[in-house]
Structure formats: structure tokens, C-alpha cells
Amino acid sequence: MTRTIASPAAVRQVRYLTWIVVLAVLITVSLVRVLTDQNRMTTPGTLRLALIAACPILLAGLGGLWAERAGIVNIGLEGQMLLGTWGAAFFAYHFGAWGGVLGAIAMGALGGLLHGLATVTFGVDHIISGVAINIVGLGAVGYLAQTFFIGYEGGGPRNLSGYAVPREITIPGISSAARWVSEQRWFLVSDVAGAIAGVTTRLSLLTILALLLVAFTAWVLWRTPFGLRLRSCGESPQAAETLGVNVYLYKYIAVIISGGFAGLGGAYLAMVASSSFTTGQTNGRGYIGLASMIFGNWNPTGVLASSLMFGYADGISLLSNNGPLVHAILLLLAVLLLGYAALKLRRGERVTAIVIAGIAVVLFAWYLAVDSVPSDFTGMTPYILTLFVLAVAAQRLRMPAADGKPYRKGQAG
């Protein structure tokens, strides 16, 4: 199995271009905010809500990344997140906030273990097993809630409240100063300050943990021998086997960790995004997490960026009177897509550039034709954006070579 190692100059060029893209996006957002007079686009409250909405998606996406880097497609993230929501509520009620976090991870890991048992040991199709995990997870959470929570104070057959949650912190000085600069509505500066205020005000410790897990995942999978062996199982398990790697073991480890991450995402929903448990409260975020992993090109930093984008869309859909704000987002998407089309055209991808530019023109025409977007549509924004970005980015994606393929020890490559 060969590995392509990028030169230091190529790495520096990629980082340089990445910062240019980030700066261009920030300038575009600020410009649209000024032109549309929709200051709520970058207020600390909106961006804090976006971060809270992004973290469950991020954790599910990281969970999918661990599994798929080992060659297992984990469609069951949604069901594992559901198990995590119940685990967080039950264990937090009895053992405190961090007991709830550990309980959620354990419940999600149990779902991952079931998925591994089906796919690794018995060779069940990964998609079929994942769908079954989702169905089982939904049914199990409903049964467990009805069995345990009816007798609890603040509990019922479908919900539970009153349990401990991780505490929140505000960074003094930085938070208040950034909030003041944000309120001045200066071009670009106030938008950056709004983001700083959003991540330094009432920041849950679970949010910090979620962000640290991005760096942890990147370090383990790309900087350790363990990570190299695990990724080799997703690229060429037969070659890994010849080098003495226990492919079955690594696949099991990966899918259990994947379920644990998804369970932690469920804990975030039940303890940070909401202070109470409700059956079915994932609301499709496990699937969006899977989409963020794909759009992030099976890379931790890519998963983080795409999760923040999906979280921003999800957060906006939760705001009251969000029709004018989503209307401004149409203009933002049109401008960004035109820039992306220009980039594709420069690379010689003429057909792709024309398609993307056509979509941008349609969005711009929609923006000009209406003054506000109906509230029914704004609730669909995260899911429409999921389909949209996957369609636009499909040509640049590269999944692990053996992802989703059945493996049996000793079989020919």
C-alpha cells in the first residue's frame, strides 16, 4: 500500500489558500449583512445558537469519520444518538452531569457494538444494519423512557427534566469587549467580534470537549501508529492483514468509538441544546452529521467546517421571525456560489462551473422576487442545505477505498 506525502511547500500553499478562502467568505458575509441590513446574521446570540446547533452534528460527523476510516459505513448514527439522549438523561438524573455524559457515551457505544457485530462478524450489509440500528434505537428509547421515567419527578412516558447538566463559563473581559465591538456594526470587524463573543459567552464545558475532540481525532488518526493501522483497514484491509494488523479488532474499535461519539452528540442535545430529554429529539441530526462527514471529505477539519455551516442553517431556523434573515442568506449563497463557479472555471471544469453558476442565478432571482421567505421553508433549511452542498461538492470527494466493502480474513484483494 503506497502513501503519497505532500511536500512542505504544497502544505504551506494549501494553508495559504485556505486562509484566503476564509477571509473571502468573511468579507462576503459582512458585505451581505450591510447590504441587506440584517445585522442578526452575525450577532453573538445568533452565532452562539449556531455553535450549539453545530456541536451535535459535529460529534455525529466525527463518529462517522472514525467508522468509515476503518471501512464501515455507519448509517446508524441517528439511532446511536437517540440512545445517547436517553443515556444522558437517565444517568445524569442519578449520577450527576458527567455521569450523564459517560452514560450517553456508553449507550452510543452499545449501538456501535451492535452495528459492528452485524457488519464485521456476520457480514450484514452496512446500510441495512445501520437502518436497523436507527429503528431499534428509536423503539428502544421510547420503551426505556416509558419504563423508567414515568415515576421520576419531572418525568413522563416521553420526557424527563430536572437532571444536572455541565456548567457554562464566560471568559471575562474578552466576552464583554467583543460584544461591545459587535454592537457597533462595523464592517468585518464587528462580524469577527460577534463570532468571538459567541464562543466566549455562556460556553458549555461540553462544547469545549466537542471542539477538543476534533483535534484529538486528527492527532490519533493521522499522527499515531494506531491511527495509521486503523486507516489502512479502510483503504486496503487485505494489505493491512499481510502486515500483521488485526483488521477485525480495529474495525470493532472504530465502530464502537463511532457509536460513543454519536452518543455524546445525543448527550449534547439533551444537556446543552435542551435542558430536558424528549423521545426522538435528534430530529435527523445523525443523518446531517453523516452528510457533514462526507462534505468534509472524511477529514476532521472538514467535518468541523461543514458542521458549523449546517449548524448555522439549523440555528437560523430556530430564530423567531427568521424569514427576512433567510431571505438575506439567499443572496449570500448566490454570491458564494458565483465565486465557487469562477474557481471551477479557472480549473477548467467548465460544465460544473456552468451548473453552479446556474444555481446561483436561480437563488439570486428568488432573492429579487420575494421580500421574505415563508416560515415553513426556513424549518427545512438545514435539510435542503444538506442535499445542496453534497450535490455541489460531489466531484471533489474521495471516500476510503474499502469503505462499506465486505471483508473476510484471508480473502484475496
Protein backbone atom coordinates (compact mmCIF):
# COMPACT_ATOMS: atom_id res chain seq x y z
CA MET A 1 0.00 0.00 0.00
CA THR A 2 1.60 3.25 -1.16
CA ARG A 3 1.26 6.61 0.55
CA THR A 4 1.53 10.00 -1.12
CA ILE A 5 3.31 12.51 1.12
CA ALA A 6 2.79 16.16 0.27
CA SER A 7 5.86 18.38 0.22
CA PRO A 8 6.19 21.16 2.85
CA ALA A 9 5.77 23.76 0.09
CA ALA A 10 2.50 22.16 -1.04
CA VAL A 11 1.23 22.06 2.55
CA ARG A 12 2.06 25.75 3.02
CA GLN A 13 0.28 26.60 -0.22
CA VAL A 14 -2.86 24.75 0.87
CA ARG A 15 -2.86 26.56 4.21
CA TYR A 16 -2.32 29.90 2.46
CA LEU A 17 -5.22 29.29 0.09
CA THR A 18 -7.41 28.14 2.98
CA TRP A 19 -6.88 31.41 4.83
CA ILE A 20 -7.62 33.35 1.63
CA VAL A 21 -10.91 31.46 1.24
CA VAL A 22 -11.83 32.06 4.89
CA LEU A 23 -11.12 35.78 4.56
CA ALA A 24 -13.11 35.99 1.32
CA VAL A 25 -16.10 34.28 2.96
CA LEU A 26 -15.94 36.63 5.96
CA ILE A 27 -15.83 39.68 3.70
CA THR A 28 -18.77 38.35 1.67
CA VAL A 29 -20.84 37.69 4.79
CA SER A 30 -20.11 41.17 6.13
CA LEU A 31 -20.93 42.78 2.79
CA VAL A 32 -24.26 40.94 2.51
CA ARG A 33 -25.08 41.86 6.10
CA VAL A 34 -24.54 45.54 5.34
CA LEU A 35 -26.43 45.49 2.02
CA THR A 36 -29.46 43.66 3.44
CA ASP A 37 -29.40 45.42 6.83
CA GLN A 38 -29.80 42.02 8.50
CA ASN A 39 -27.49 42.57 11.46
CA ARG A 40 -28.72 39.39 13.10
CA MET A 41 -26.61 37.41 10.61
CA THR A 42 -23.53 37.81 12.82
CA THR A 43 -24.76 38.83 16.26
CA PRO A 44 -23.26 36.95 19.23
CA GLY A 45 -26.67 35.43 20.02
CA THR A 46 -27.12 34.05 16.50
CA LEU A 47 -23.58 32.70 16.32
CA ARG A 48 -23.81 31.16 19.79
CA LEU A 49 -27.04 29.45 18.74
CA ALA A 50 -25.30 28.26 15.57
CA LEU A 51 -22.43 26.78 17.61
CA ILE A 52 -24.86 24.96 19.89
CA ALA A 53 -26.71 23.60 16.85
CA ALA A 54 -23.42 22.59 15.20
CA CYS A 55 -21.91 20.54 18.04
CA PRO A 56 -24.30 17.53 17.89
CA ILE A 57 -23.79 17.43 14.12
CA LEU A 58 -20.03 17.69 14.63
CA LEU A 59 -19.94 14.82 17.11
CA ALA A 60 -22.04 12.62 14.84
CA GLY A 61 -19.81 13.53 11.90
CA LEU A 62 -16.66 12.65 13.86
CA GLY A 63 -18.30 9.36 14.81
CA GLY A 64 -18.98 8.59 11.17
CA LEU A 65 -15.39 9.55 10.35
CA TRP A 66 -13.94 7.01 12.80
CA ALA A 67 -16.09 4.21 11.42
CA GLU A 68 -15.61 4.97 7.73
CA ARG A 69 -11.87 5.43 8.05
CA ALA A 70 -11.87 1.78 9.15
CA GLY A 71 -14.11 0.78 6.24
CA ILE A 72 -17.51 0.66 7.96
CA VAL A 73 -20.40 2.82 6.80
CA ASN A 74 -22.28 3.88 9.92
CA ILE A 75 -25.77 4.91 8.83
CA GLY A 76 -26.82 4.06 12.39
CA LEU A 77 -25.53 7.36 13.82
CA GLU A 78 -29.09 8.59 14.26
CA GLY A 79 -30.10 5.60 16.36
CA GLN A 80 -26.88 5.80 18.40
CA MET A 81 -27.55 9.49 19.08
CA LEU A 82 -31.06 8.59 20.24
CA LEU A 83 -29.64 6.05 22.66
CA GLY A 84 -27.26 8.75 23.87
CA THR A 85 -30.10 11.16 24.65
CA TRP A 86 -31.74 8.60 26.92
CA GLY A 87 -28.43 7.60 28.50
CA ALA A 88 -27.61 11.24 29.26
CA ALA A 89 -30.98 11.86 30.92
CA PHE A 90 -31.07 8.63 32.93
CA PHE A 91 -27.51 8.70 34.25
CA ALA A 92 -27.45 12.45 34.82
CA TYR A 93 -30.62 12.13 36.90
CA HIS A 94 -28.94 9.55 39.15
CA PHE A 95 -25.21 10.32 38.97
CA GLY A 96 -24.83 13.98 38.00
CA ALA A 97 -23.86 15.80 34.82
CA TRP A 98 -20.67 13.93 33.95
CA GLY A 99 -22.28 10.64 34.88
CA GLY A 100 -24.85 11.51 32.23
CA VAL A 101 -22.11 12.23 29.70
CA LEU A 102 -20.43 8.88 30.36
CA GLY A 103 -23.80 7.10 30.27
CA ALA A 104 -24.60 8.64 26.89
CA ILE A 105 -21.22 7.57 25.50
CA ALA A 106 -21.79 4.03 26.80
CA MET A 107 -25.27 3.81 25.25
CA GLY A 108 -23.99 5.08 21.91
CA ALA A 109 -21.04 2.67 22.07
CA LEU A 110 -23.51 -0.15 22.67
CA GLY A 111 -25.27 0.82 19.44
CA GLY A 112 -21.88 0.87 17.72
CA LEU A 113 -21.09 -2.58 19.08
CA LEU A 114 -24.35 -3.95 17.64
CA HIS A 115 -23.50 -2.41 14.28
CA GLY A 116 -20.02 -3.93 14.43
CA LEU A 117 -21.40 -7.33 15.37
CA ALA A 118 -23.71 -7.26 12.36
CA THR A 119 -21.26 -5.89 9.79
CA VAL A 120 -17.87 -7.20 10.92
CA THR A 121 -18.76 -10.62 12.38
CA PHE A 122 -21.83 -11.61 10.38
CA GLY A 123 -21.14 -9.64 7.19
CA VAL A 124 -24.52 -7.88 7.04
CA ASP A 125 -24.75 -5.08 4.50
CA HIS A 126 -23.67 -1.86 6.25
CA ILE A 127 -26.65 0.17 5.07
CA ILE A 128 -29.19 -2.45 6.13
CA SER A 129 -27.55 -2.81 9.54
CA GLY A 130 -27.43 0.98 10.02
CA VAL A 131 -31.09 1.41 9.16
CA ALA A 132 -31.94 -1.41 11.57
CA ILE A 133 -29.92 0.32 14.32
CA ASN A 134 -31.90 3.52 13.73
CA ILE A 135 -35.22 1.69 14.00
CA VAL A 136 -34.12 -0.27 17.06
CA GLY A 137 -32.73 2.89 18.68
CA LEU A 138 -35.98 4.79 18.24
CA GLY A 139 -38.04 1.92 19.61
CA ALA A 140 -35.65 1.22 22.49
CA VAL A 141 -35.58 4.85 23.61
CA GLY A 142 -39.38 5.01 23.60
CA TYR A 143 -39.59 1.81 25.63
CA LEU A 144 -36.89 2.84 28.11
CA ALA A 145 -38.45 6.28 28.65
CA GLN A 146 -41.86 4.78 29.29
CA THR A 147 -40.41 2.14 31.60
CA PHE A 148 -38.15 4.33 33.73
CA PHE A 149 -39.22 7.98 33.55
CA ILE A 150 -42.92 7.80 34.47
CA GLY A 151 -42.13 7.52 38.18
CA TYR A 152 -39.48 10.26 38.20
CA GLU A 153 -40.07 13.82 39.34
CA GLY A 154 -40.36 15.86 36.17
CA GLY A 155 -40.64 12.69 34.10
CA GLY A 156 -43.23 11.15 31.83
CA PRO A 157 -43.60 8.44 29.19
CA ARG A 158 -41.79 10.59 26.62
CA ASN A 159 -39.75 13.15 28.54
CA LEU A 160 -37.64 13.94 31.59
CA SER A 161 -36.35 17.18 33.09
CA GLY A 162 -34.64 18.34 36.26
CA TYR A 163 -31.35 16.46 35.89
CA ALA A 164 -27.89 18.02 36.20
CA VAL A 165 -26.12 19.46 33.14
CA PRO A 166 -22.49 20.53 32.56
CA ARG A 167 -21.84 24.08 33.71
CA GLU A 168 -21.27 27.05 31.42
CA ILE A 169 -18.38 29.51 31.51
CA THR A 170 -17.97 33.06 30.25
CA ILE A 171 -14.49 34.43 29.62
CA PRO A 172 -14.44 37.79 31.45
CA GLY A 173 -13.14 40.80 29.61
CA ILE A 174 -12.98 39.16 26.20
CA SER A 175 -16.71 38.40 26.10
CA SER A 176 -17.86 41.90 27.07
CA ALA A 177 -15.33 43.66 24.84
CA ALA A 178 -16.20 41.50 21.83
CA ARG A 179 -19.90 42.06 22.44
CA TRP A 180 -19.41 45.85 22.51
CA VAL A 181 -17.45 45.81 19.23
CA SER A 182 -20.15 43.59 17.69
CA GLU A 183 -22.84 46.12 18.61
CA GLN A 184 -21.04 48.88 16.69
CA ARG A 185 -21.85 47.10 13.39
CA TRP A 186 -18.50 48.00 11.81
CA PHE A 187 -17.74 46.30 8.51
CA LEU A 188 -15.98 42.94 9.02
CA VAL A 189 -14.56 43.88 12.44
CA SER A 190 -17.95 43.65 14.18
CA ASP A 191 -18.70 40.36 12.41
CA VAL A 192 -15.47 38.80 13.68
CA ALA A 193 -16.15 40.23 17.13
CA GLY A 194 -19.63 38.69 17.06
CA ALA A 195 -18.06 35.28 16.46
CA ILE A 196 -15.59 35.82 19.32
CA ALA A 197 -18.38 36.90 21.67
CA GLY A 198 -20.46 33.91 20.61
CA VAL A 199 -17.75 31.42 21.63
CA THR A 200 -16.74 33.18 24.86
CA THR A 201 -20.19 33.77 26.39
CA ARG A 202 -22.00 31.04 28.33
CA LEU A 203 -19.85 28.35 26.77
CA SER A 204 -20.75 24.86 27.97
CA LEU A 205 -17.91 22.61 29.02
CA LEU A 206 -19.42 20.01 26.71
CA THR A 207 -18.93 22.42 23.81
CA ILE A 208 -15.25 22.73 24.69
CA LEU A 209 -15.00 18.94 24.83
CA ALA A 210 -16.60 18.61 21.39
CA LEU A 211 -14.11 21.04 19.86
CA LEU A 212 -11.16 19.33 21.57
CA LEU A 213 -12.29 16.01 20.12
CA VAL A 214 -11.70 17.40 16.63
CA ALA A 215 -8.01 17.90 17.45
CA PHE A 216 -7.91 14.54 19.26
CA THR A 217 -9.35 12.73 16.24
CA ALA A 218 -6.92 14.42 13.84
CA TRP A 219 -3.95 13.58 16.06
CA VAL A 220 -4.87 9.95 16.69
CA LEU A 221 -5.84 9.06 13.12
CA TRP A 222 -3.03 10.93 11.32
CA ARG A 223 -0.19 11.16 13.84
CA THR A 224 -0.08 7.79 15.60
CA PRO A 225 0.73 4.20 14.52
CA PHE A 226 -2.69 3.17 15.82
CA GLY A 227 -4.37 5.66 13.50
CA LEU A 228 -2.31 4.52 10.52
CA ARG A 229 -3.32 0.89 11.12
CA LEU A 230 -6.98 1.87 11.55
CA ARG A 231 -6.99 3.89 8.31
CA SER A 232 -5.25 1.06 6.48
CA CYS A 233 -8.28 -1.12 7.31
CA GLY A 234 -10.46 1.33 5.39
CA GLU A 235 -8.11 1.65 2.42
CA SER A 236 -6.88 -1.92 1.88
CA PRO A 237 -7.71 -4.40 4.65
CA GLN A 238 -6.03 -7.24 2.74
CA ALA A 239 -2.73 -5.33 2.63
CA ALA A 240 -3.11 -4.42 6.30
CA GLU A 241 -3.67 -8.08 7.12
CA THR A 242 -0.43 -9.09 5.41
CA LEU A 243 1.39 -6.57 7.62
CA GLY A 244 0.03 -8.19 10.76
CA VAL A 245 -2.85 -5.83 11.50
CA ASN A 246 -5.83 -7.45 13.23
CA VAL A 247 -8.40 -5.96 10.87
CA TYR A 248 -11.44 -7.29 12.76
CA LEU A 249 -10.20 -5.78 16.02
CA TYR A 250 -9.54 -2.37 14.52
CA LYS A 251 -12.92 -2.32 12.82
CA TYR A 252 -14.62 -3.14 16.11
CA ILE A 253 -12.66 -0.44 17.94
CA ALA A 254 -13.53 2.11 15.25
CA VAL A 255 -17.26 1.39 15.17
CA ILE A 256 -17.53 1.35 18.99
CA ILE A 257 -15.74 4.71 19.19
CA SER A 258 -18.04 5.92 16.40
CA GLY A 259 -21.08 4.98 18.44
CA GLY A 260 -19.58 6.64 21.51
CA PHE A 261 -19.13 9.91 19.61
CA ALA A 262 -22.72 9.73 18.37
CA GLY A 263 -23.92 9.02 21.91
CA LEU A 264 -22.01 12.08 23.11
CA GLY A 265 -23.83 14.05 20.43
CA GLY A 266 -27.07 12.79 21.92
CA ALA A 267 -25.89 13.95 25.35
CA TYR A 268 -25.26 17.40 23.91
CA LEU A 269 -28.82 17.55 22.61
CA ALA A 270 -30.30 16.51 25.95
CA MET A 271 -28.00 18.57 28.19
CA VAL A 272 -26.88 21.68 26.28
CA ALA A 273 -29.11 22.29 23.26
CA SER A 274 -32.01 21.50 25.58
CA SER A 275 -32.17 21.07 29.34
CA SER A 276 -34.63 18.20 29.08
CA PHE A 277 -34.99 14.83 27.38
CA THR A 278 -37.70 14.09 24.81
CA THR A 279 -38.00 10.92 22.75
CA GLY A 280 -36.97 11.47 19.15
CA GLN A 281 -35.23 14.78 19.83
CA THR A 282 -32.36 14.10 17.41
CA ASN A 283 -34.67 15.17 14.58
CA GLY A 284 -32.43 13.80 11.82
CA ARG A 285 -29.17 15.29 13.09
CA GLY A 286 -27.44 11.94 12.85
CA TYR A 287 -28.06 11.95 9.11
CA ILE A 288 -26.89 15.55 8.83
CA GLY A 289 -23.76 14.54 10.75
CA LEU A 290 -23.14 11.84 8.18
CA ALA A 291 -23.55 14.46 5.45
CA SER A 292 -21.09 16.77 7.23
CA MET A 293 -18.53 13.95 7.25
CA ILE A 294 -18.98 13.41 3.52
CA PHE A 295 -18.89 17.12 2.69
CA GLY A 296 -15.83 17.42 4.94
CA ASN A 297 -14.14 14.80 2.74
CA TRP A 298 -13.56 12.34 5.61
CA ASN A 299 -11.27 14.84 7.37
CA PRO A 300 -11.72 16.23 10.92
CA THR A 301 -11.20 19.89 10.00
CA GLY A 302 -13.53 19.46 7.04
CA VAL A 303 -16.14 17.91 9.33
CA LEU A 304 -15.79 20.89 11.68
CA ALA A 305 -16.23 23.43 8.88
CA SER A 306 -19.23 21.68 7.35
CA SER A 307 -20.83 21.14 10.78
CA LEU A 308 -20.56 24.86 11.52
CA MET A 309 -22.24 25.58 8.20
CA PHE A 310 -25.07 23.14 8.88
CA GLY A 311 -25.31 24.40 12.45
CA TYR A 312 -25.65 27.97 11.24
CA ALA A 313 -28.54 26.95 9.00
CA ASP A 314 -30.12 24.96 11.83
CA GLY A 315 -29.65 27.81 14.28
CA ILE A 316 -31.28 30.33 11.95
CA SER A 317 -34.28 28.04 11.53
CA LEU A 318 -34.81 28.23 15.31
CA LEU A 319 -34.89 32.04 15.46
CA SER A 320 -38.21 33.82 15.69
CA ASN A 321 -39.19 35.99 12.70
CA ASN A 322 -36.39 34.44 10.66
CA GLY A 323 -37.97 34.93 7.23
CA PRO A 324 -36.08 38.17 6.40
CA LEU A 325 -32.83 36.64 7.67
CA VAL A 326 -33.18 33.54 5.49
CA HIS A 327 -34.04 35.90 2.62
CA ALA A 328 -30.63 37.56 3.12
CA ILE A 329 -28.99 34.11 3.24
CA LEU A 330 -30.29 33.50 -0.31
CA LEU A 331 -28.20 36.44 -1.50
CA LEU A 332 -25.20 35.19 0.46
CA LEU A 333 -25.45 31.74 -1.10
CA ALA A 334 -25.80 33.22 -4.58
CA VAL A 335 -22.64 35.30 -4.18
CA LEU A 336 -20.63 32.42 -2.69
CA LEU A 337 -21.73 30.07 -5.46
CA LEU A 338 -20.72 32.55 -8.12
CA GLY A 339 -17.27 32.69 -6.56
CA TYR A 340 -17.13 28.90 -6.45
CA ALA A 341 -18.20 28.73 -10.10
CA ALA A 342 -15.41 31.14 -11.04
CA LEU A 343 -12.92 28.90 -9.22
CA LYS A 344 -14.19 25.84 -11.08
CA LEU A 345 -13.98 27.66 -14.39
CA ARG A 346 -10.38 28.64 -13.66
CA ARG A 347 -9.56 24.97 -13.05
CA GLY A 348 -11.03 24.07 -16.42
CA GLU A 349 -14.18 22.39 -15.09
CA ARG A 350 -16.48 24.27 -17.44
CA VAL A 351 -19.61 22.11 -17.17
CA THR A 352 -19.51 22.11 -13.36
CA ALA A 353 -18.94 25.87 -13.33
CA ILE A 354 -21.96 26.45 -15.59
CA VAL A 355 -24.22 24.29 -13.39
CA ILE A 356 -23.13 26.02 -10.18
CA ALA A 357 -23.48 29.45 -11.77
CA GLY A 358 -26.98 28.50 -12.93
CA ILE A 359 -27.96 27.58 -9.39
CA ALA A 360 -26.55 30.90 -8.17
CA VAL A 361 -28.65 32.80 -10.74
CA VAL A 362 -31.79 30.96 -9.62
CA LEU A 363 -31.10 31.86 -5.98
CA PHE A 364 -30.45 35.49 -6.91
CA ALA A 365 -33.68 35.64 -8.92
CA TRP A 366 -35.54 34.16 -5.95
CA TYR A 367 -33.99 36.80 -3.71
CA LEU A 368 -35.15 39.60 -6.02
CA ALA A 369 -38.65 38.15 -6.46
CA VAL A 370 -39.64 37.99 -2.77
CA ASP A 371 -39.20 40.14 0.31
CA SER A 372 -39.21 37.32 2.85
CA VAL A 373 -39.05 33.54 2.93
CA PRO A 374 -42.06 31.66 4.41
CA SER A 375 -41.53 30.23 7.89
CA ASP A 376 -42.42 26.73 6.66
CA PHE A 377 -39.42 26.84 4.34
CA THR A 378 -37.00 28.11 6.99
CA GLY A 379 -37.57 24.97 9.06
CA MET A 380 -36.47 22.93 6.04
CA THR A 381 -33.30 24.99 5.55
CA PRO A 382 -30.81 22.56 7.20
CA TYR A 383 -32.08 19.58 5.19
CA ILE A 384 -32.23 21.43 1.88
CA LEU A 385 -28.72 22.75 2.50
CA THR A 386 -27.56 19.17 3.20
CA LEU A 387 -28.73 17.96 -0.21
CA PHE A 388 -27.50 21.11 -1.89
CA VAL A 389 -23.89 21.08 -0.69
CA LEU A 390 -23.49 17.36 -1.30
CA ALA A 391 -24.65 17.82 -4.88
CA VAL A 392 -22.28 20.76 -5.43
CA ALA A 393 -19.24 19.13 -3.80
CA ALA A 394 -19.73 15.56 -5.01
CA GLN A 395 -16.96 15.68 -7.63
CA ARG A 396 -14.16 16.59 -5.21
CA LEU A 397 -14.88 13.90 -2.62
CA ARG A 398 -12.75 10.81 -2.04
CA MET A 399 -14.01 8.18 0.34
CA PRO A 400 -11.74 5.45 1.80
CA ALA A 401 -11.15 2.85 -0.90
CA ALA A 402 -12.61 -0.08 1.05
CA ASP A 403 -15.42 1.86 2.73
CA GLY A 404 -18.55 -0.28 3.00
CA LYS A 405 -16.99 -3.29 1.30
CA PRO A 406 -17.33 -6.72 2.94
CA TYR A 407 -14.13 -8.16 4.36
CA ARG A 408 -13.23 -11.70 5.35
CA LYS A 409 -9.87 -12.71 6.76
CA GLY A 410 -7.63 -14.38 4.20
CA GLN A 411 -9.68 -13.37 1.17
CA ALA A 412 -7.92 -12.19 -2.00
CA GLY A 413 -7.64 -8.41 -2.58
